[in-house]
C-alpha atoms as a PDB file:
ATOM      1  CA  UNK A   1     106.574  63.381 227.043  1.00  0.00           C
ATOM      2  CA  UNK A   2     105.413  60.046 225.685  1.00  0.00           C
ATOM      3  CA  UNK A   3     105.832  58.004 228.344  1.00  0.00           C
ATOM      4  CA  UNK A   4     102.271  57.046 230.327  1.00  0.00           C
ATOM      5  CA  UNK A   5     103.763  54.769 232.770  1.00  0.00           C
ATOM      6  CA  UNK A   6     102.309  55.482 236.057  1.00  0.00           C
ATOM      7  CA  UNK A   7     105.561  55.129 237.978  1.00  0.00           C
ATOM      8  CA  UNK A   8     107.371  57.650 235.717  1.00  0.00           C
ATOM      9  CA  UNK A   9     109.709  60.271 237.578  1.00  0.00           C
ATOM     10  CA  UNK A  10     109.045  64.216 235.634  1.00  0.00           C
ATOM     11  CA  UNK A  11     111.013  66.887 235.287  1.00  0.00           C
ATOM     12  CA  UNK A  12     109.782  70.556 236.036  1.00  0.00           C
ATOM     13  CA  UNK A  13     109.458  71.106 232.022  1.00  0.00           C
ATOM     14  CA  UNK A  14     107.470  67.839 231.799  1.00  0.00           C
ATOM     15  CA  UNK A  15     105.285  68.665 234.871  1.00  0.00           C
ATOM     16  CA  UNK A  16     104.839  72.355 233.535  1.00  0.00           C
ATOM     17  CA  UNK A  17     104.089  70.559 229.873  1.00  0.00           C
ATOM     18  CA  UNK A  18     101.288  67.998 231.703  1.00  0.00           C
ATOM     19  CA  UNK A  19      99.439  70.708 233.844  1.00  0.00           C
ATOM     20  CA  UNK A  20      99.758  73.751 231.293  1.00  0.00           C
ATOM     21  CA  UNK A  21     101.641  76.083 233.541  1.00  0.00           C
ATOM     22  CA  UNK A  22     104.896  77.853 233.497  1.00  0.00           C
ATOM     23  CA  UNK A  23     107.958  76.101 234.645  1.00  0.00           C
ATOM     24  CA  UNK A  24     108.438  79.241 237.154  1.00  0.00           C
ATOM     25  CA  UNK A  25     104.884  78.241 238.426  1.00  0.00           C
ATOM     26  CA  UNK A  26     106.244  74.684 239.191  1.00  0.00           C
ATOM     27  CA  UNK A  27     109.264  76.046 240.803  1.00  0.00           C
ATOM     28  CA  UNK A  28     107.218  77.938 243.055  1.00  0.00           C
ATOM     29  CA  UNK A  29     104.546  75.508 244.145  1.00  0.00           C
ATOM     30  CA  UNK A  30     107.139  72.859 244.884  1.00  0.00           C
ATOM     31  CA  UNK A  31     109.526  75.045 246.872  1.00  0.00           C
ATOM     32  CA  UNK A  32     106.389  76.107 249.102  1.00  0.00           C
ATOM     33  CA  UNK A  33     105.470  72.477 249.575  1.00  0.00           C
ATOM     34  CA  UNK A  34     102.285  72.959 247.547  1.00  0.00           C
ATOM     35  CA  UNK A  35     103.138  70.418 244.844  1.00  0.00           C
ATOM     36  CA  UNK A  36     104.760  66.898 245.430  1.00  0.00           C
ATOM     37  CA  UNK A  37     108.285  66.513 244.470  1.00  0.00           C
ATOM     38  CA  UNK A  38     111.433  66.208 245.553  1.00  0.00           C
ATOM     39  CA  UNK A  39     114.895  67.345 245.001  1.00  0.00           C
ATOM     40  CA  UNK A  40     117.189  65.157 243.237  1.00  0.00           C
ATOM     41  CA  UNK A  41     120.789  66.095 243.212  1.00  0.00           C
ATOM     42  CA  UNK A  42     119.867  69.741 242.831  1.00  0.00           C
ATOM     43  CA  UNK A  43     117.047  69.646 240.382  1.00  0.00           C
ATOM     44  CA  UNK A  44     113.256  68.863 240.937  1.00  0.00           C
ATOM     45  CA  UNK A  45     111.977  65.567 240.498  1.00  0.00           C
ATOM     46  CA  UNK A  46     108.163  64.474 240.441  1.00  0.00           C
ATOM     47  CA  UNK A  47     106.366  61.097 240.405  1.00  0.00           C
ATOM     48  CA  UNK A  48     103.539  61.457 237.709  1.00  0.00           C
ATOM     49  CA  UNK A  49     101.251  59.056 240.437  1.00  0.00           C
ATOM     50  CA  UNK A  50     101.579  62.097 242.725  1.00  0.00           C
ATOM     51  CA  UNK A  51     101.312  64.810 240.545  1.00  0.00           C
ATOM     52  CA  UNK A  52      97.840  63.145 239.280  1.00  0.00           C
ATOM     53  CA  UNK A  53      96.645  62.419 243.115  1.00  0.00           C
ATOM     54  CA  UNK A  54      97.602  65.999 243.723  1.00  0.00           C
ATOM     55  CA  UNK A  55      95.069  67.130 240.771  1.00  0.00           C
ATOM     56  CA  UNK A  56      92.293  64.783 242.191  1.00  0.00           C
ATOM     57  CA  UNK A  57      92.425  66.458 245.619  1.00  0.00           C
ATOM     58  CA  UNK A  58      92.363  70.187 244.025  1.00  0.00           C
ATOM     59  CA  UNK A  59      89.092  71.651 244.048  1.00  0.00           C
ATOM     60  CA  UNK A  60      87.183  72.588 240.804  1.00  0.00           C
ATOM     61  CA  UNK A  61      86.518  76.084 240.425  1.00  0.00           C
ATOM     62  CA  UNK A  62      82.985  76.759 238.417  1.00  0.00           C
ATOM     63  CA  UNK A  63      82.260  79.598 236.515  1.00  0.00           C
ATOM     64  CA  UNK A  64      79.839  80.744 238.874  1.00  0.00           C
ATOM     65  CA  UNK A  65      82.402  80.640 241.881  1.00  0.00           C
ATOM     66  CA  UNK A  66      84.479  82.783 239.579  1.00  0.00           C
ATOM     67  CA  UNK A  67      81.875  85.255 238.726  1.00  0.00           C
ATOM     68  CA  UNK A  68      80.892  85.726 242.333  1.00  0.00           C
ATOM     69  CA  UNK A  69      84.535  86.716 243.222  1.00  0.00           C
ATOM     70  CA  UNK A  70      84.872  88.808 240.307  1.00  0.00           C
ATOM     71  CA  UNK A  71      85.190  92.592 241.461  1.00  0.00           C
ATOM     72  CA  UNK A  72      82.555  94.729 239.984  1.00  0.00           C
ATOM     73  CA  UNK A  73      83.527  97.468 237.812  1.00  0.00           C
ATOM     74  CA  UNK A  74      81.620 100.695 237.775  1.00  0.00           C
END
């Protein structure tokens, strides 16, 4: 996707590419209400502004948090 207009409406493949996630993950997050989007004519559509806002609200995970939650293997 080359259009960087903040008012851009994005499709599932475009959001997946933007977030570097699988299409199935985008569908799952959207259906669960965890990703801002709406169905238009049976197809999911996402506002670039809403996706960027959603990203800003997400907490960043640092490597120390990951290491602390990693199960110990003996």
